[in-house]
């Protein structure tokens, strides 16, 4: 008997998956057959995706809201599509792209059209991933130019830091001893020292 599965993916834990959940719930998919990962689509080493793969049997149906929810790597998506449709012998329904419903036309022309659409959409998904990374890098660079700092705010220097630094510069104590006296790791002492120069 055919089982219907749903797969949901968002790129990070702070993204909302409710739109995808609602779309799949409207298909009547049992909650125990919904699998969700909250991580990048760059590859398929995702725990819930791998768990779902183990449950799929020939004749089952996998539903996803869009191809980029499956993944964002051109070659990997195509490879997984082949695993799902040929090795696992399941059907796939991509909700926002009716041409990517493998139940529709299983003849040569239908398969050709689905493969062609899949290639185009895989390319678009990976291109968008590259664009996201590029925009993110540009945003970070622009923020740094404006003086915005990223990461944790550094702790204030210990009151005795300059005194200990002077002792170290004079060769009276080792860096290990200087770090110990300022209650810092050696690498932190070295880093903070360079910031003052």
N, C-alpha and C. Protein backbone atom coordinates (compact mmCIF):
# COMPACT_ATOMS: atom_id res chain seq x y z
N UNK A 1 0.82 -1.19 0.00
CA UNK A 1 0.00 0.00 0.00
C UNK A 1 0.87 1.25 0.00
N UNK A 2 0.54 2.21 -0.86
CA UNK A 2 1.34 3.43 -0.98
C UNK A 2 1.25 4.28 0.29
N UNK A 3 2.41 4.73 0.74
CA UNK A 3 2.49 5.68 1.85
C UNK A 3 2.88 7.02 1.25
N UNK A 4 2.35 8.10 1.83
CA UNK A 4 2.70 9.45 1.37
C UNK A 4 3.57 10.10 2.43
N UNK A 5 4.72 10.58 2.00
CA UNK A 5 5.68 11.23 2.89
C UNK A 5 5.82 12.70 2.50
N UNK A 6 6.18 13.52 3.47
CA UNK A 6 6.45 14.92 3.21
C UNK A 6 7.82 15.27 3.76
N UNK A 7 8.56 16.07 3.01
CA UNK A 7 9.88 16.51 3.49
C UNK A 7 9.90 18.03 3.54
N UNK A 8 10.37 18.56 4.66
CA UNK A 8 10.44 20.00 4.92
C UNK A 8 11.89 20.34 5.24
N UNK A 9 12.37 21.44 4.67
CA UNK A 9 13.72 21.90 5.01
C UNK A 9 13.74 23.41 5.08
N UNK A 10 14.33 23.93 6.14
CA UNK A 10 14.66 25.35 6.23
C UNK A 10 16.15 25.43 6.52
N UNK A 11 16.75 26.55 6.16
CA UNK A 11 18.22 26.63 6.23
C UNK A 11 18.77 26.81 7.63
N UNK A 12 17.98 27.35 8.54
CA UNK A 12 18.50 27.57 9.89
C UNK A 12 17.38 27.44 10.92
N UNK A 13 17.77 27.33 12.18
CA UNK A 13 16.81 27.10 13.25
C UNK A 13 15.87 28.28 13.47
N UNK A 14 16.27 29.48 13.04
CA UNK A 14 15.40 30.64 13.26
C UNK A 14 14.42 30.88 12.11
N UNK A 15 14.48 30.05 11.07
CA UNK A 15 13.53 30.20 9.97
C UNK A 15 12.25 29.42 10.28
N UNK A 16 11.15 29.91 9.74
CA UNK A 16 9.85 29.33 10.04
C UNK A 16 9.45 28.33 8.96
N UNK A 17 9.09 27.13 9.40
CA UNK A 17 8.72 26.08 8.48
C UNK A 17 7.21 25.92 8.34
N UNK A 18 6.43 26.81 8.97
CA UNK A 18 4.97 26.63 9.03
C UNK A 18 4.30 26.62 7.66
N UNK A 19 4.79 27.42 6.71
CA UNK A 19 4.20 27.45 5.37
C UNK A 19 4.31 26.07 4.71
N UNK A 20 5.48 25.47 4.82
CA UNK A 20 5.67 24.14 4.25
C UNK A 20 4.81 23.09 4.96
N UNK A 21 4.76 23.17 6.30
CA UNK A 21 3.97 22.21 7.08
C UNK A 21 2.50 22.30 6.68
N UNK A 22 1.99 23.51 6.55
CA UNK A 22 0.59 23.71 6.20
C UNK A 22 0.29 23.14 4.81
N UNK A 23 1.17 23.41 3.85
CA UNK A 23 0.96 22.91 2.48
C UNK A 23 0.92 21.39 2.46
N UNK A 24 1.80 20.75 3.22
CA UNK A 24 1.84 19.28 3.24
C UNK A 24 0.69 18.70 4.05
N UNK A 25 0.30 19.40 5.12
CA UNK A 25 -0.84 18.94 5.92
C UNK A 25 -2.12 18.98 5.09
N UNK A 26 -2.23 19.97 4.20
CA UNK A 26 -3.42 20.08 3.34
C UNK A 26 -3.53 18.91 2.37
N UNK A 27 -2.45 18.18 2.17
CA UNK A 27 -2.50 16.98 1.32
C UNK A 27 -2.93 15.75 2.12
N UNK A 28 -3.10 15.94 3.43
CA UNK A 28 -3.53 14.83 4.28
C UNK A 28 -2.40 13.90 4.69
N UNK A 29 -1.17 14.40 4.64
CA UNK A 29 -0.03 13.56 5.03
C UNK A 29 -0.02 13.39 6.54
N UNK A 30 0.07 12.15 6.98
CA UNK A 30 0.13 11.83 8.40
C UNK A 30 1.39 12.46 9.01
N UNK A 31 1.23 13.07 10.19
CA UNK A 31 2.36 13.75 10.83
C UNK A 31 3.57 12.83 11.04
N UNK A 32 3.32 11.54 11.25
CA UNK A 32 4.45 10.61 11.46
C UNK A 32 5.24 10.39 10.16
N UNK A 33 4.68 10.83 9.03
CA UNK A 33 5.39 10.72 7.76
C UNK A 33 5.95 12.06 7.28
N UNK A 34 5.98 13.05 8.17
CA UNK A 34 6.61 14.33 7.86
C UNK A 34 8.01 14.35 8.45
N UNK A 35 8.98 14.68 7.64
CA UNK A 35 10.37 14.75 8.08
C UNK A 35 10.87 16.16 7.84
N UNK A 36 11.60 16.70 8.82
CA UNK A 36 12.06 18.08 8.70
C UNK A 36 13.50 18.25 9.18
N UNK A 37 14.29 18.95 8.37
CA UNK A 37 15.65 19.32 8.75
C UNK A 37 15.74 20.84 8.79
N UNK A 38 16.52 21.33 9.75
CA UNK A 38 16.79 22.76 9.82
C UNK A 38 18.29 22.95 9.59
N UNK A 39 18.67 22.86 8.33
CA UNK A 39 20.07 23.08 7.97
C UNK A 39 20.19 23.34 6.47
N UNK A 40 21.38 23.71 6.08
CA UNK A 40 21.65 24.09 4.70
C UNK A 40 21.29 22.99 3.71
N UNK A 41 20.95 23.41 2.51
CA UNK A 41 20.66 22.47 1.44
C UNK A 41 21.86 22.16 0.57
N UNK A 42 23.06 22.46 1.06
CA UNK A 42 24.27 22.27 0.24
C UNK A 42 24.56 20.80 -0.05
N UNK A 43 24.13 19.90 0.87
CA UNK A 43 24.32 18.47 0.63
C UNK A 43 23.16 17.71 1.28
N UNK A 44 23.22 16.41 1.24
CA UNK A 44 22.11 15.59 1.74
C UNK A 44 22.48 14.83 3.01
N UNK A 45 23.51 15.28 3.70
CA UNK A 45 23.89 14.66 4.96
C UNK A 45 23.07 15.30 6.08
N UNK A 46 21.75 15.12 5.98
CA UNK A 46 20.81 15.69 6.95
C UNK A 46 20.12 14.53 7.66
N UNK A 47 20.06 14.57 8.99
CA UNK A 47 19.55 13.41 9.75
C UNK A 47 18.13 13.00 9.38
N UNK A 48 17.21 13.93 9.27
CA UNK A 48 15.82 13.56 8.99
C UNK A 48 15.65 13.09 7.54
N UNK A 49 16.41 13.69 6.63
CA UNK A 49 16.33 13.24 5.23
C UNK A 49 16.82 11.79 5.14
N UNK A 50 17.93 11.50 5.81
CA UNK A 50 18.47 10.14 5.79
C UNK A 50 17.51 9.15 6.46
N UNK A 51 16.87 9.58 7.55
CA UNK A 51 15.90 8.71 8.22
C UNK A 51 14.71 8.43 7.29
N UNK A 52 14.27 9.45 6.57
CA UNK A 52 13.15 9.27 5.64
C UNK A 52 13.51 8.29 4.53
N UNK A 53 14.73 8.43 4.00
CA UNK A 53 15.18 7.51 2.93
C UNK A 53 15.02 6.05 3.34
N UNK A 54 15.33 5.76 4.59
CA UNK A 54 15.26 4.38 5.07
C UNK A 54 13.82 3.87 5.13
N UNK A 55 12.86 4.78 5.25
CA UNK A 55 11.45 4.39 5.37
C UNK A 55 10.75 4.23 4.03
N UNK A 56 11.30 4.84 2.97
CA UNK A 56 10.63 4.84 1.67
C UNK A 56 10.66 3.44 1.05
N UNK A 57 9.52 3.03 0.49
CA UNK A 57 9.38 1.75 -0.18
C UNK A 57 8.87 1.98 -1.60
N UNK A 58 9.15 1.06 -2.52
CA UNK A 58 8.67 1.22 -3.90
C UNK A 58 7.16 1.51 -3.93
N UNK A 59 6.81 2.51 -4.75
CA UNK A 59 5.41 2.89 -4.88
C UNK A 59 4.99 4.02 -3.96
N UNK A 60 5.82 4.39 -2.97
CA UNK A 60 5.49 5.49 -2.07
C UNK A 60 5.56 6.81 -2.83
N UNK A 61 5.02 7.86 -2.22
CA UNK A 61 5.02 9.20 -2.80
C UNK A 61 5.69 10.16 -1.84
N UNK A 62 6.64 10.94 -2.34
CA UNK A 62 7.31 11.98 -1.55
C UNK A 62 6.83 13.33 -2.06
N UNK A 63 6.34 14.17 -1.15
CA UNK A 63 5.87 15.51 -1.50
C UNK A 63 6.79 16.55 -0.88
N UNK A 64 7.18 17.53 -1.69
CA UNK A 64 7.93 18.68 -1.20
C UNK A 64 7.29 19.93 -1.80
N UNK A 65 7.43 21.06 -1.11
CA UNK A 65 6.76 22.27 -1.59
C UNK A 65 7.46 22.87 -2.80
N UNK A 66 8.79 22.80 -2.84
CA UNK A 66 9.55 23.29 -4.00
C UNK A 66 10.89 22.57 -4.05
N UNK A 67 11.50 22.59 -5.21
CA UNK A 67 12.73 21.81 -5.41
C UNK A 67 13.87 22.30 -4.51
N UNK A 68 13.89 23.60 -4.18
CA UNK A 68 14.98 24.11 -3.33
C UNK A 68 14.83 23.66 -1.88
N UNK A 69 13.67 23.13 -1.51
CA UNK A 69 13.51 22.55 -0.16
C UNK A 69 14.18 21.18 -0.12
N UNK A 70 14.29 20.53 -1.26
CA UNK A 70 15.02 19.26 -1.33
C UNK A 70 16.51 19.53 -1.18
N UNK A 71 17.01 20.54 -1.88
CA UNK A 71 18.42 20.88 -1.78
C UNK A 71 18.76 22.09 -2.64
N UNK A 72 20.03 22.50 -2.56
CA UNK A 72 20.49 23.67 -3.33
C UNK A 72 21.79 23.39 -4.07
N UNK A 73 22.08 22.12 -4.30
CA UNK A 73 23.29 21.76 -5.02
C UNK A 73 22.87 21.03 -6.30
N UNK A 74 23.20 21.61 -7.44
CA UNK A 74 22.76 21.15 -8.75
C UNK A 74 22.97 19.64 -8.94
N UNK A 75 24.20 19.19 -8.78
CA UNK A 75 24.51 17.78 -9.03
C UNK A 75 23.90 16.87 -7.97
N UNK A 76 23.91 17.33 -6.73
CA UNK A 76 23.37 16.51 -5.64
C UNK A 76 21.86 16.30 -5.78
N UNK A 77 21.13 17.35 -6.17
CA UNK A 77 19.68 17.20 -6.33
C UNK A 77 19.39 16.17 -7.42
N UNK A 78 20.09 16.29 -8.54
CA UNK A 78 19.86 15.34 -9.63
C UNK A 78 20.20 13.91 -9.20
N UNK A 79 21.29 13.77 -8.46
CA UNK A 79 21.70 12.45 -7.97
C UNK A 79 20.63 11.88 -7.04
N UNK A 80 20.14 12.69 -6.10
CA UNK A 80 19.11 12.22 -5.17
C UNK A 80 17.82 11.90 -5.91
N UNK A 81 17.48 12.70 -6.91
CA UNK A 81 16.27 12.45 -7.69
C UNK A 81 16.32 11.06 -8.33
N UNK A 82 17.52 10.72 -8.87
CA UNK A 82 17.69 9.40 -9.47
C UNK A 82 17.58 8.29 -8.42
N UNK A 83 18.18 8.52 -7.25
CA UNK A 83 18.08 7.53 -6.17
C UNK A 83 16.61 7.31 -5.80
N UNK A 84 15.88 8.40 -5.65
CA UNK A 84 14.49 8.31 -5.23
C UNK A 84 13.61 7.64 -6.29
N UNK A 85 13.75 8.08 -7.54
CA UNK A 85 12.84 7.60 -8.58
C UNK A 85 13.26 6.26 -9.19
N UNK A 86 14.55 6.01 -9.26
CA UNK A 86 15.00 4.78 -9.92
C UNK A 86 15.35 3.67 -8.93
N UNK A 87 16.19 4.03 -7.92
CA UNK A 87 16.59 2.99 -6.96
C UNK A 87 15.47 2.68 -5.96
N UNK A 88 14.92 3.73 -5.38
CA UNK A 88 13.85 3.54 -4.39
C UNK A 88 12.50 3.28 -5.07
N UNK A 89 12.41 3.66 -6.34
CA UNK A 89 11.20 3.47 -7.14
C UNK A 89 9.97 4.12 -6.51
N UNK A 90 10.15 5.38 -6.07
CA UNK A 90 9.03 6.14 -5.52
C UNK A 90 8.67 7.25 -6.50
N UNK A 91 7.52 7.85 -6.29
CA UNK A 91 7.12 9.03 -7.05
C UNK A 91 7.40 10.27 -6.22
N UNK A 92 7.61 11.38 -6.92
CA UNK A 92 7.86 12.66 -6.26
C UNK A 92 6.87 13.68 -6.81
N UNK A 93 6.33 14.47 -5.89
CA UNK A 93 5.44 15.56 -6.27
C UNK A 93 6.02 16.85 -5.71
N UNK A 94 6.37 17.79 -6.61
CA UNK A 94 6.85 19.11 -6.21
C UNK A 94 5.65 20.05 -6.35
N UNK A 95 5.15 20.53 -5.23
CA UNK A 95 3.86 21.23 -5.22
C UNK A 95 3.84 22.49 -6.08
N UNK A 96 4.92 23.27 -6.08
CA UNK A 96 4.89 24.53 -6.84
C UNK A 96 5.30 24.35 -8.31
N UNK A 97 5.54 23.11 -8.73
CA UNK A 97 5.94 22.86 -10.11
C UNK A 97 5.27 21.56 -10.60
N UNK A 98 4.03 21.68 -11.10
CA UNK A 98 3.28 20.48 -11.52
C UNK A 98 4.01 19.60 -12.54
N UNK A 99 4.91 20.20 -13.33
CA UNK A 99 5.67 19.38 -14.28
C UNK A 99 6.60 18.39 -13.59
N UNK A 100 6.89 18.66 -12.31
CA UNK A 100 7.75 17.76 -11.54
C UNK A 100 6.89 16.87 -10.63
N UNK A 101 5.95 16.20 -11.24
CA UNK A 101 5.13 15.20 -10.56
C UNK A 101 5.33 13.93 -11.35
N UNK A 102 6.12 13.03 -10.82
CA UNK A 102 6.50 11.83 -11.59
C UNK A 102 5.35 10.87 -11.81
N UNK A 103 4.20 11.13 -11.19
CA UNK A 103 3.03 10.25 -11.41
C UNK A 103 2.34 10.58 -12.73
N UNK A 104 2.62 11.75 -13.28
CA UNK A 104 1.86 12.22 -14.44
C UNK A 104 2.14 11.43 -15.71
N UNK A 105 3.28 11.65 -16.31
CA UNK A 105 3.59 11.00 -17.58
C UNK A 105 4.85 10.17 -17.41
N UNK A 106 4.67 8.88 -17.47
CA UNK A 106 5.83 8.00 -17.29
C UNK A 106 6.39 7.53 -18.62
N UNK A 107 5.85 8.09 -19.74
CA UNK A 107 6.38 7.72 -21.05
C UNK A 107 7.68 8.49 -21.30
N UNK A 108 8.30 8.25 -22.44
CA UNK A 108 9.59 8.85 -22.75
C UNK A 108 9.52 10.37 -22.77
N UNK A 109 8.49 10.95 -23.40
CA UNK A 109 8.35 12.40 -23.48
C UNK A 109 8.14 13.00 -22.09
N UNK A 110 7.29 12.38 -21.28
CA UNK A 110 7.04 12.87 -19.93
C UNK A 110 8.30 12.86 -19.08
N UNK A 111 9.06 11.78 -19.20
CA UNK A 111 10.32 11.67 -18.46
C UNK A 111 11.32 12.72 -18.93
N UNK A 112 11.39 12.94 -20.25
CA UNK A 112 12.29 13.94 -20.81
C UNK A 112 11.93 15.34 -20.29
N UNK A 113 10.65 15.68 -20.30
CA UNK A 113 10.22 17.00 -19.85
C UNK A 113 10.52 17.18 -18.37
N UNK A 114 10.22 16.16 -17.56
CA UNK A 114 10.50 16.24 -16.12
C UNK A 114 12.00 16.40 -15.87
N UNK A 115 12.83 15.64 -16.61
CA UNK A 115 14.28 15.76 -16.44
C UNK A 115 14.78 17.14 -16.83
N UNK A 116 14.22 17.69 -17.91
CA UNK A 116 14.62 19.02 -18.37
C UNK A 116 14.24 20.09 -17.35
N UNK A 117 13.01 20.03 -16.85
CA UNK A 117 12.55 20.99 -15.84
C UNK A 117 13.39 20.85 -14.58
N UNK A 118 13.67 19.61 -14.20
CA UNK A 118 14.49 19.37 -13.01
C UNK A 118 15.86 20.02 -13.16
N UNK A 119 16.50 19.86 -14.31
CA UNK A 119 17.81 20.46 -14.52
C UNK A 119 17.76 21.98 -14.39
N UNK A 120 16.76 22.58 -14.98
CA UNK A 120 16.63 24.04 -14.91
C UNK A 120 16.44 24.48 -13.46
N UNK A 121 15.53 23.81 -12.74
CA UNK A 121 15.25 24.20 -11.37
C UNK A 121 16.43 23.94 -10.43
N UNK A 122 17.16 22.86 -10.68
CA UNK A 122 18.37 22.59 -9.88
C UNK A 122 19.40 23.69 -10.08
N UNK A 123 19.54 24.12 -11.33
CA UNK A 123 20.47 25.21 -11.63
C UNK A 123 20.05 26.48 -10.90
N UNK A 124 18.75 26.78 -10.94
CA UNK A 124 18.23 27.98 -10.27
C UNK A 124 18.45 27.89 -8.76
N UNK A 125 18.20 26.71 -8.17
CA UNK A 125 18.38 26.52 -6.73
C UNK A 125 19.83 26.75 -6.32
N UNK A 126 20.77 26.17 -7.07
CA UNK A 126 22.18 26.36 -6.72
C UNK A 126 22.62 27.80 -6.96
N UNK A 127 22.14 28.41 -8.04
CA UNK A 127 22.47 29.81 -8.32
C UNK A 127 22.00 30.71 -7.18
N UNK A 128 20.81 30.44 -6.68
CA UNK A 128 20.28 31.24 -5.56
C UNK A 128 21.14 31.05 -4.32
N UNK A 129 21.60 29.82 -4.08
CA UNK A 129 22.49 29.57 -2.93
C UNK A 129 23.77 30.38 -3.05
N UNK A 130 24.34 30.40 -4.27
CA UNK A 130 25.55 31.20 -4.51
C UNK A 130 25.27 32.69 -4.32
N UNK A 131 24.12 33.14 -4.81
CA UNK A 131 23.75 34.56 -4.66
C UNK A 131 23.56 34.93 -3.20
N UNK A 132 22.96 34.03 -2.43
CA UNK A 132 22.77 34.29 -0.99
C UNK A 132 24.13 34.46 -0.33
N UNK A 133 25.05 33.55 -0.62
CA UNK A 133 26.39 33.63 -0.02
C UNK A 133 27.10 34.92 -0.44
N UNK A 134 26.96 35.30 -1.72
CA UNK A 134 27.60 36.52 -2.21
C UNK A 134 27.01 37.75 -1.53
N UNK A 135 25.66 37.81 -1.43
CA UNK A 135 25.02 38.96 -0.79
C UNK A 135 25.40 39.03 0.69
N UNK A 136 25.50 37.87 1.33
CA UNK A 136 25.88 37.85 2.73
C UNK A 136 27.30 38.39 2.92
N UNK A 137 28.23 37.94 2.07
CA UNK A 137 29.62 38.42 2.15
C UNK A 137 29.70 39.92 1.88
N UNK A 138 28.93 40.40 0.90
CA UNK A 138 28.92 41.83 0.60
C UNK A 138 28.35 42.63 1.77
N UNK A 139 27.30 42.09 2.39
CA UNK A 139 26.70 42.76 3.55
C UNK A 139 27.66 42.84 4.72
N UNK A 140 28.38 41.76 4.96
CA UNK A 140 29.36 41.74 6.06
C UNK A 140 30.48 42.73 5.78
N UNK A 141 30.97 42.75 4.54
CA UNK A 141 32.05 43.69 4.18
C UNK A 141 31.59 45.14 4.35
N UNK A 142 30.37 45.44 3.91
CA UNK A 142 29.84 46.80 4.04
C UNK A 142 29.68 47.19 5.51
N UNK A 143 29.22 46.25 6.32
CA UNK A 143 29.04 46.52 7.75
C UNK A 143 30.39 46.77 8.42
N UNK A 144 31.40 45.99 8.04
CA UNK A 144 32.73 46.19 8.62
C UNK A 144 33.30 47.55 8.24
N UNK A 145 33.03 48.00 7.01
CA UNK A 145 33.50 49.33 6.59
C UNK A 145 32.85 50.43 7.42
N UNK A 146 31.62 50.18 7.85
CA UNK A 146 30.91 51.16 8.69
C UNK A 146 31.33 51.05 10.15
N UNK A 147 32.25 50.13 10.45
CA UNK A 147 32.76 49.99 11.81
C UNK A 147 31.97 49.03 12.68
N UNK A 148 31.06 48.29 12.09
CA UNK A 148 30.29 47.32 12.86
C UNK A 148 31.16 46.10 13.12
N UNK A 149 31.20 45.71 14.38
CA UNK A 149 32.00 44.55 14.77
C UNK A 149 31.11 43.33 14.89
N UNK A 150 31.65 42.18 14.55
CA UNK A 150 30.93 40.93 14.67
C UNK A 150 31.55 40.10 15.77
N UNK A 151 30.77 39.21 16.30
CA UNK A 151 31.27 38.34 17.36
C UNK A 151 31.03 38.96 18.73
N UNK A 152 31.60 38.31 19.73
CA UNK A 152 31.42 38.77 21.10
C UNK A 152 32.19 40.04 21.34
N UNK A 153 31.65 40.90 22.18
CA UNK A 153 32.37 42.10 22.58
C UNK A 153 33.53 41.65 23.47
N UNK A 154 34.75 42.12 23.17
CA UNK A 154 35.89 41.67 23.99
C UNK A 154 35.74 42.11 25.44
N UNK A 155 36.22 41.24 26.32
CA UNK A 155 36.20 41.57 27.74
C UNK A 155 37.18 42.72 27.98
N UNK A 156 36.91 43.53 28.98
CA UNK A 156 37.88 44.61 29.29
C UNK A 156 39.22 43.99 29.71
N UNK A 157 40.26 44.71 29.41
CA UNK A 157 41.60 44.23 29.80
C UNK A 157 41.74 44.25 31.31
N UNK A 158 42.47 43.29 31.87
CA UNK A 158 42.72 43.32 33.31
C UNK A 158 43.47 44.61 33.68
N UNK A 159 43.26 45.08 34.88
CA UNK A 159 43.88 46.34 35.32
C UNK A 159 45.41 46.27 35.23
N UNK A 160 45.97 45.08 35.43
CA UNK A 160 47.43 44.95 35.44
C UNK A 160 48.01 44.62 34.05
N UNK A 161 47.19 44.66 32.99
CA UNK A 161 47.64 44.20 31.68
C UNK A 161 48.85 44.99 31.18
N UNK A 162 48.77 46.31 31.22
CA UNK A 162 49.89 47.12 30.68
C UNK A 162 51.16 46.91 31.49
N UNK A 163 51.02 46.77 32.80
CA UNK A 163 52.18 46.54 33.67
C UNK A 163 52.84 45.20 33.32
N UNK A 164 52.02 44.16 33.17
CA UNK A 164 52.54 42.82 32.84
C UNK A 164 53.13 42.82 31.43
N UNK A 165 52.46 43.51 30.50
CA UNK A 165 52.96 43.61 29.13
C UNK A 165 54.35 44.25 29.12
N UNK A 166 54.52 45.29 29.92
CA UNK A 166 55.83 45.97 30.00
C UNK A 166 56.90 45.00 30.52
N UNK A 167 56.55 44.21 31.53
CA UNK A 167 57.51 43.23 32.07
C UNK A 167 57.90 42.22 30.98
N UNK A 168 56.90 41.77 30.21
CA UNK A 168 57.18 40.81 29.15
C UNK A 168 58.06 41.43 28.07
N UNK A 169 57.76 42.68 27.67
CA UNK A 169 58.56 43.36 26.63
C UNK A 169 60.01 43.55 27.07
N UNK A 170 60.21 43.73 28.37
CA UNK A 170 61.57 43.90 28.89
C UNK A 170 62.28 42.56 29.04
N UNK A 171 61.56 41.46 28.81
CA UNK A 171 62.17 40.13 28.91
C UNK A 171 62.28 39.63 30.33
N UNK A 172 61.57 40.28 31.26
CA UNK A 172 61.65 39.88 32.66
C UNK A 172 60.76 38.68 32.98
N UNK A 173 59.73 38.45 32.15
CA UNK A 173 58.86 37.28 32.34
C UNK A 173 58.56 36.66 30.97
N UNK A 174 58.21 35.40 31.00
CA UNK A 174 57.85 34.71 29.75
C UNK A 174 56.40 35.06 29.38
N UNK A 175 56.03 34.73 28.15
CA UNK A 175 54.64 34.99 27.73
C UNK A 175 53.69 34.10 28.54
N UNK A 176 54.12 32.89 28.83
CA UNK A 176 53.28 32.00 29.64
C UNK A 176 53.01 32.62 31.00
N UNK A 177 54.05 33.18 31.61
CA UNK A 177 53.90 33.83 32.92
C UNK A 177 53.03 35.08 32.80
N UNK A 178 53.21 35.85 31.73
CA UNK A 178 52.41 37.06 31.52
C UNK A 178 50.94 36.69 31.37
N UNK A 179 50.66 35.64 30.61
CA UNK A 179 49.28 35.20 30.42
C UNK A 179 48.69 34.74 31.75
N UNK A 180 49.48 34.00 32.53
CA UNK A 180 48.99 33.51 33.83
C UNK A 180 48.67 34.68 34.76
N UNK A 181 49.56 35.70 34.81
CA UNK A 181 49.35 36.84 35.71
C UNK A 181 48.15 37.70 35.30
N UNK A 182 47.79 37.67 34.02
CA UNK A 182 46.62 38.44 33.56
C UNK A 182 45.36 37.56 33.47
N UNK A 183 45.53 36.29 33.85
CA UNK A 183 44.41 35.35 33.85
C UNK A 183 43.84 35.16 32.44
N UNK A 184 44.74 35.02 31.46
CA UNK A 184 44.35 34.83 30.06
C UNK A 184 45.07 33.61 29.50
N UNK A 185 44.52 33.12 28.41
CA UNK A 185 45.25 32.10 27.65
C UNK A 185 46.39 32.80 26.93
N UNK A 186 47.44 32.05 26.60
CA UNK A 186 48.58 32.66 25.88
C UNK A 186 48.12 33.30 24.57
N UNK A 187 47.26 32.60 23.83
CA UNK A 187 46.80 33.13 22.55
C UNK A 187 46.01 34.43 22.73
N UNK A 188 45.22 34.50 23.80
CA UNK A 188 44.44 35.72 24.07
C UNK A 188 45.37 36.86 24.45
N UNK A 189 46.36 36.56 25.28
CA UNK A 189 47.33 37.59 25.68
C UNK A 189 48.04 38.14 24.44
N UNK A 190 48.48 37.24 23.56
CA UNK A 190 49.18 37.64 22.34
C UNK A 190 48.27 38.49 21.45
N UNK A 191 47.01 38.04 21.29
CA UNK A 191 46.04 38.76 20.44
C UNK A 191 45.78 40.16 20.99
N UNK A 192 45.54 40.26 22.30
CA UNK A 192 45.24 41.57 22.90
C UNK A 192 46.46 42.48 22.86
N UNK A 193 47.63 41.89 22.97
CA UNK A 193 48.86 42.67 22.89
C UNK A 193 48.99 43.28 21.50
N UNK A 194 48.70 42.49 20.45
CA UNK A 194 48.81 42.99 19.08
C UNK A 194 47.82 44.11 18.81
N UNK A 195 46.64 44.04 19.43
CA UNK A 195 45.64 45.09 19.24
C UNK A 195 46.10 46.43 19.80
N UNK A 196 46.94 46.37 20.83
CA UNK A 196 47.42 47.62 21.46
C UNK A 196 48.57 48.25 20.68
N UNK A 197 49.22 47.48 19.81
CA UNK A 197 50.40 48.01 19.10
C UNK A 197 49.99 48.86 17.91
